[in-house]
Amino acid sequence: MDVHKKLVLSSDGEHTLQGVVYVPDGTPKGYFQVVHGMCEYVGRYESFMTQLAGQGYLVFGYDHLGHGHTARSPEELGFIASRDGWLRLLDDVSVFYHAVAEEYGPMPYILFGHSMGSFIVRGAVERGAKPDRLIVCGTGGPNPASGAGLAACRTVKALRGEHHVSKTLQNLAFGAYNKRFADENDPYAWLTKDLSVRDTYRNDPFCTYSFQAAAMVDLIRLQSFCNRKAHFAAFPTTLPTLLIAGAQDPVGDYGKGVQTVYDRLRAVGCNVQLHLYPDCRHEILNDTCRQQVMNDIAAFLA
């Protein structure tokens, strides 16, 4: 297996997406693109990507705008763009894929996204990405409070500036995530039951920053875009899609939001499967179900 960096100009025409490619031994089965979540980076998926490359896939991913090594300074962490950053996140999926595909040629293409990345891959498909299979991990359904949340974010952005970090907005968006796990006295308990993963996360400067006001607008617009009626109506019905999430994941409303996404895709005739993992939380690749998740992904790809 060969692992090397891949640098690609973002759709914003300004930043360089800092990526990595895992090239398997022998002829690859296909491409497997990993799209990471909010306030993290593709390096957190090293074990996952190594396993997939070991199964014969050419695996790749990159740090989003405002994340990881793509951010050019600590001040850029949590800032995507002055406007329409959510569209840049969607378009960068195809930008990076095509850069890799130009190098290695035509192969089957699997697209995977976790958390914020799950919304990104859903939106990217609507924007024209054409994977042969789609894996949506740790996603969420419609949020009736998104309109009020967007208005609040825009107000803070207008009054305090696009770079302002608002504790009020953070609490409105994520304050309830740990409510079910409050007895553990750990702000990261909602992520996983694995204490070592939490400790690594809390000590990682690429994970513990907050989204700035402009990026909070982008996050809500992204979530809303992917839960419109028009999104489900436009979803390609022939695209095999796998929804996976922890049954104790607050992002997916403890399974209910993910079930809603599944039901709406089924209602328009989509080829979709759903796996919810009992007693597991948001990061199912880092929870006690991790091996079962890998098994289910392998079965989906077979």
Protein backbone atom coordinates (compact mmCIF):
# COMPACT_ATOMS: atom_id res chain seq x y z
CA MET A 1 0.00 0.00 0.00
CA ASP A 2 1.20 3.48 -0.89
CA VAL A 3 0.00 6.54 1.04
CA HIS A 4 0.72 10.01 -0.27
CA LYS A 5 -0.50 13.59 -0.07
CA LYS A 6 -2.75 15.10 -2.73
CA LEU A 7 -3.13 18.87 -3.16
CA VAL A 8 -6.06 20.22 -5.18
CA LEU A 9 -7.28 23.79 -5.71
CA SER A 10 -10.64 24.32 -3.99
CA SER A 11 -13.73 25.45 -5.86
CA ASP A 12 -13.21 28.81 -4.14
CA GLY A 13 -10.17 29.35 -6.40
CA GLU A 14 -8.12 30.43 -3.40
CA HIS A 15 -7.41 27.61 -0.98
CA THR A 16 -5.55 24.37 -1.58
CA LEU A 17 -7.41 21.31 -0.34
CA GLN A 18 -4.94 19.23 1.65
CA GLY A 19 -5.70 15.60 0.92
CA VAL A 20 -4.38 12.08 1.16
CA VAL A 21 -4.61 9.06 -1.14
CA TYR A 22 -4.27 5.42 -0.10
CA VAL A 23 -3.31 3.29 -3.10
CA PRO A 24 -3.82 -0.45 -2.55
CA ASP A 25 -1.48 -3.17 -3.73
CA GLY A 26 -2.55 -4.57 -7.07
CA THR A 27 -5.36 -3.31 -9.28
CA PRO A 28 -7.89 -1.22 -7.28
CA LYS A 29 -11.53 -2.33 -7.08
CA GLY A 30 -12.66 1.26 -7.27
CA TYR A 31 -12.52 4.70 -5.68
CA PHE A 32 -13.67 5.27 -2.10
CA GLN A 33 -13.94 8.97 -1.17
CA VAL A 34 -14.17 9.90 2.51
CA VAL A 35 -15.85 13.22 3.39
CA HIS A 36 -15.27 14.14 7.03
CA GLY A 37 -17.44 16.02 9.49
CA MET A 38 -17.52 19.36 11.26
CA CYS A 39 -14.53 20.43 13.38
CA GLU A 40 -12.42 17.43 12.46
CA TYR A 41 -10.17 16.40 9.55
CA VAL A 42 -9.47 13.47 7.27
CA GLY A 43 -6.52 12.30 9.39
CA ARG A 44 -9.01 11.03 11.98
CA TYR A 45 -10.06 8.39 9.42
CA GLU A 46 -6.63 6.82 9.02
CA SER A 47 -7.65 3.42 10.43
CA PHE A 48 -10.88 3.34 8.39
CA MET A 49 -9.09 4.33 5.18
CA THR A 50 -6.27 1.85 5.78
CA GLN A 51 -8.77 -0.99 6.22
CA LEU A 52 -10.58 -0.06 3.02
CA ALA A 53 -7.32 0.16 1.07
CA GLY A 54 -6.44 -3.25 2.46
CA GLN A 55 -9.69 -4.49 0.91
CA GLY A 56 -8.52 -3.22 -2.48
CA TYR A 57 -10.04 0.26 -2.76
CA LEU A 58 -8.20 3.41 -3.76
CA VAL A 59 -9.24 5.57 -0.80
CA PHE A 60 -8.93 9.34 -0.57
CA GLY A 61 -10.16 12.41 1.22
CA TYR A 62 -9.18 15.96 2.14
CA ASP A 63 -9.60 18.55 4.87
CA HIS A 64 -12.53 20.89 4.16
CA LEU A 65 -12.22 24.64 3.87
CA GLY A 66 -11.83 25.98 7.40
CA HIS A 67 -10.65 22.61 8.70
CA GLY A 68 -7.43 20.78 9.42
CA HIS A 69 -4.44 21.50 7.21
CA THR A 70 -6.54 23.25 4.52
CA ALA A 71 -6.96 26.15 6.96
CA ARG A 72 -3.92 28.34 6.38
CA SER A 73 -3.78 29.61 9.96
CA PRO A 74 -5.44 28.91 13.31
CA GLU A 75 -7.66 31.94 12.65
CA GLU A 76 -9.14 30.20 9.59
CA LEU A 77 -10.28 27.17 11.57
CA GLY A 78 -14.06 27.34 11.69
CA PHE A 79 -14.40 29.82 8.81
CA ILE A 80 -15.39 28.54 5.35
CA ALA A 81 -16.19 31.64 3.29
CA SER A 82 -17.70 35.10 3.58
CA ARG A 83 -20.76 33.89 1.67
CA ASP A 84 -22.06 30.63 0.19
CA GLY A 85 -19.37 28.56 1.88
CA TRP A 86 -21.79 25.63 2.00
CA LEU A 87 -21.82 25.55 -1.81
CA ARG A 88 -18.02 25.43 -1.82
CA LEU A 89 -18.18 22.41 0.49
CA LEU A 90 -20.55 20.67 -1.91
CA ASP A 91 -18.57 21.47 -5.04
CA ASP A 92 -15.21 20.52 -3.54
CA VAL A 93 -16.35 16.90 -3.39
CA SER A 94 -16.41 16.64 -7.17
CA VAL A 95 -13.38 18.90 -7.61
CA PHE A 96 -11.22 16.55 -5.55
CA TYR A 97 -12.72 13.37 -7.00
CA HIS A 98 -12.07 14.47 -10.58
CA ALA A 99 -8.48 15.41 -9.72
CA VAL A 100 -7.88 11.89 -8.41
CA ALA A 101 -9.79 10.21 -11.25
CA GLU A 102 -7.74 12.08 -13.85
CA GLU A 103 -4.64 10.47 -12.36
CA TYR A 104 -5.90 6.89 -12.01
CA GLY A 105 -8.55 6.51 -14.70
CA PRO A 106 -12.14 5.22 -14.73
CA MET A 107 -13.25 2.93 -11.90
CA PRO A 108 -16.40 2.40 -9.83
CA TYR A 109 -16.84 5.28 -7.40
CA ILE A 110 -18.08 5.01 -3.81
CA LEU A 111 -18.81 8.21 -1.88
CA PHE A 112 -18.90 8.23 1.95
CA GLY A 113 -19.72 11.14 4.25
CA HIS A 114 -19.95 11.36 8.04
CA SER A 115 -21.85 13.94 10.14
CA MET A 116 -21.56 17.32 8.38
CA GLY A 117 -19.94 15.26 5.63
CA SER A 118 -23.16 13.25 5.37
CA PHE A 119 -25.03 16.41 4.44
CA ILE A 120 -22.23 17.40 2.09
CA VAL A 121 -22.39 14.13 0.13
CA ARG A 122 -26.18 14.24 -0.02
CA GLY A 123 -26.02 17.78 -1.37
CA ALA A 124 -23.14 16.98 -3.71
CA VAL A 125 -25.25 14.30 -5.39
CA GLU A 126 -27.97 16.85 -6.00
CA ARG A 127 -25.32 19.23 -7.37
CA GLY A 128 -24.15 16.68 -9.93
CA ALA A 129 -21.73 14.26 -8.24
CA LYS A 130 -22.21 10.80 -9.74
CA PRO A 131 -21.04 8.05 -7.39
CA ASP A 132 -21.94 4.45 -8.13
CA ARG A 133 -22.73 3.89 -4.45
CA LEU A 134 -23.37 6.31 -1.59
CA ILE A 135 -22.81 5.78 2.15
CA VAL A 136 -24.40 8.36 4.46
CA CYS A 137 -23.09 8.09 8.04
CA GLY A 138 -24.41 9.96 11.08
CA THR A 139 -26.84 12.18 9.21
CA GLY A 140 -29.95 14.03 10.37
CA GLY A 141 -33.44 14.78 9.16
CA PRO A 142 -35.49 17.97 8.94
CA ASN A 143 -35.13 20.38 11.86
CA PRO A 144 -38.20 22.57 12.50
CA ALA A 145 -35.99 25.10 14.32
CA SER A 146 -33.64 25.63 11.37
CA GLY A 147 -35.44 28.77 10.16
CA ALA A 148 -35.13 30.49 13.53
CA GLY A 149 -31.56 29.24 13.88
CA LEU A 150 -30.58 30.63 10.51
CA ALA A 151 -32.09 34.01 11.37
CA ALA A 152 -30.15 34.06 14.65
CA CYS A 153 -26.89 33.20 12.91
CA ARG A 154 -27.39 35.87 10.28
CA THR A 155 -28.16 38.44 12.96
CA VAL A 156 -24.97 37.62 14.88
CA LYS A 157 -22.97 37.71 11.64
CA ALA A 158 -24.40 41.14 10.75
CA LEU A 159 -23.94 42.64 14.22
CA ARG A 160 -20.69 41.04 15.39
CA GLY A 161 -18.99 40.13 12.12
CA GLU A 162 -18.49 36.96 10.12
CA HIS A 163 -15.57 35.78 12.28
CA HIS A 164 -17.35 36.14 15.61
CA VAL A 165 -17.61 32.97 17.72
CA SER A 166 -20.89 33.07 19.61
CA LYS A 167 -21.40 30.87 22.66
CA THR A 168 -25.12 31.50 22.33
CA LEU A 169 -25.19 30.10 18.79
CA GLN A 170 -23.06 27.14 19.83
CA ASN A 171 -25.47 26.35 22.66
CA LEU A 172 -28.52 26.73 20.44
CA ALA A 173 -27.04 24.36 17.84
CA PHE A 174 -25.32 21.76 20.00
CA GLY A 175 -26.28 22.42 23.62
CA ALA A 176 -28.72 19.51 23.79
CA TYR A 177 -26.40 16.94 22.24
CA ASN A 178 -24.96 15.83 25.58
CA LYS A 179 -28.22 15.96 27.55
CA ARG A 180 -28.80 12.21 27.42
CA PHE A 181 -25.22 11.58 28.62
CA ALA A 182 -24.96 14.35 31.22
CA ASP A 183 -24.23 11.88 34.03
CA GLU A 184 -20.86 11.12 32.39
CA ASN A 185 -19.73 14.71 33.02
CA ASP A 186 -17.91 14.89 29.68
CA PRO A 187 -18.85 17.40 26.93
CA TYR A 188 -17.76 14.86 24.31
CA ALA A 189 -19.76 11.91 25.65
CA TRP A 190 -22.24 12.20 22.75
CA LEU A 191 -19.50 11.30 20.28
CA THR A 192 -18.72 7.75 21.42
CA LYS A 193 -18.57 5.44 24.42
CA ASP A 194 -14.83 4.95 23.79
CA LEU A 195 -13.04 7.05 26.41
CA SER A 196 -9.69 6.93 24.62
CA VAL A 197 -11.23 8.41 21.46
CA ARG A 198 -12.75 11.21 23.51
CA ASP A 199 -9.43 11.96 25.19
CA THR A 200 -7.64 12.12 21.85
CA TYR A 201 -10.37 14.39 20.49
CA ARG A 202 -10.30 16.82 23.44
CA ASN A 203 -6.52 17.22 23.11
CA ASP A 204 -6.54 17.81 19.35
CA PRO A 205 -6.46 21.49 18.29
CA PHE A 206 -7.96 20.48 14.93
CA CYS A 207 -11.12 19.31 16.76
CA THR A 208 -11.72 21.67 19.65
CA TYR A 209 -12.28 25.02 17.92
CA SER A 210 -15.74 26.48 17.24
CA PHE A 211 -17.45 27.51 14.02
CA GLN A 212 -17.46 31.25 13.37
CA ALA A 213 -20.69 33.12 12.59
CA ALA A 214 -20.43 32.79 8.79
CA ALA A 215 -19.78 29.06 9.04
CA MET A 216 -22.75 28.60 11.36
CA VAL A 217 -24.88 30.10 8.59
CA ASP A 218 -23.29 27.63 6.16
CA LEU A 219 -23.98 24.68 8.45
CA ILE A 220 -27.68 25.44 8.81
CA ARG A 221 -28.08 26.17 5.10
CA LEU A 222 -26.41 22.85 4.32
CA GLN A 223 -28.68 20.89 6.64
CA SER A 224 -31.77 22.66 5.33
CA PHE A 225 -30.76 22.15 1.69
CA CYS A 226 -30.46 18.40 2.20
CA ASN A 227 -33.85 18.05 3.85
CA ARG A 228 -35.98 20.00 1.36
CA LYS A 229 -38.78 18.19 -0.41
CA ALA A 230 -37.02 19.13 -3.64
CA HIS A 231 -33.86 17.36 -2.47
CA PHE A 232 -35.62 14.06 -2.00
CA ALA A 233 -37.53 14.49 -5.26
CA ALA A 234 -34.26 15.11 -7.13
CA PHE A 235 -32.37 12.22 -5.54
CA PRO A 236 -31.34 9.62 -8.16
CA THR A 237 -33.60 6.62 -7.55
CA THR A 238 -31.13 4.15 -9.07
CA LEU A 239 -28.23 5.15 -6.77
CA PRO A 240 -27.66 2.40 -4.16
CA THR A 241 -27.57 4.29 -0.85
CA LEU A 242 -26.69 3.06 2.64
CA LEU A 243 -27.75 5.06 5.72
CA ILE A 244 -25.83 4.16 8.89
CA ALA A 245 -26.03 5.78 12.32
CA GLY A 246 -25.92 5.13 16.04
CA ALA A 247 -29.30 4.70 17.67
CA GLN A 248 -28.03 6.99 20.44
CA ASP A 249 -26.77 9.70 18.07
CA PRO A 250 -28.30 13.11 18.87
CA VAL A 251 -27.44 14.43 15.39
CA GLY A 252 -29.94 11.93 13.99
CA ASP A 253 -32.41 12.56 16.83
CA TYR A 254 -31.60 9.13 18.27
CA GLY A 255 -32.52 7.35 15.07
CA LYS A 256 -35.76 9.20 14.36
CA GLY A 257 -34.22 11.76 12.01
CA VAL A 258 -32.29 9.10 10.09
CA GLN A 259 -35.47 7.05 9.80
CA THR A 260 -37.22 10.12 8.34
CA VAL A 261 -34.49 10.47 5.68
CA TYR A 262 -34.84 6.78 4.86
CA ASP A 263 -38.65 7.00 4.66
CA ARG A 264 -38.54 10.04 2.39
CA LEU A 265 -36.03 8.41 0.05
CA ARG A 266 -38.12 5.24 -0.04
CA ALA A 267 -41.23 7.29 -0.75
CA VAL A 268 -39.75 8.59 -4.00
CA GLY A 269 -38.56 5.13 -5.06
CA CYS A 270 -34.89 5.27 -4.07
CA ASN A 271 -32.70 2.20 -3.63
CA VAL A 272 -31.82 2.73 0.04
CA GLN A 273 -30.87 0.63 3.07
CA LEU A 274 -30.78 1.62 6.75
CA HIS A 275 -28.71 0.29 9.66
CA LEU A 276 -29.06 1.73 13.16
CA TYR A 277 -26.60 0.49 15.77
CA PRO A 278 -28.10 0.01 19.25
CA ASP A 279 -26.43 1.80 22.16
CA CYS A 280 -23.92 3.52 19.84
CA ARG A 281 -23.49 7.25 19.52
CA HIS A 282 -22.41 9.71 16.84
CA GLU A 283 -19.05 8.35 15.72
CA ILE A 284 -19.96 4.75 14.91
CA LEU A 285 -16.55 4.21 13.30
CA ASN A 286 -15.10 4.91 16.75
CA ASP A 287 -17.66 3.11 18.92
CA THR A 288 -18.17 -0.48 20.05
CA CYS A 289 -20.03 -1.27 16.81
CA ARG A 290 -17.06 -0.34 14.58
CA GLN A 291 -16.43 -3.89 13.33
CA GLN A 292 -20.12 -4.45 12.55
CA VAL A 293 -20.14 -1.16 10.65
CA MET A 294 -17.18 -2.35 8.58
CA ASN A 295 -18.95 -5.65 7.93
CA ASP A 296 -22.13 -3.87 6.82
CA ILE A 297 -20.18 -1.56 4.51
CA ALA A 298 -18.38 -4.55 2.98
CA ALA A 299 -21.72 -6.30 2.41
CA PHE A 300 -23.15 -3.17 0.80
CA LEU A 301 -20.19 -2.94 -1.56
CA ALA A 302 -20.15 -6.63 -2.46
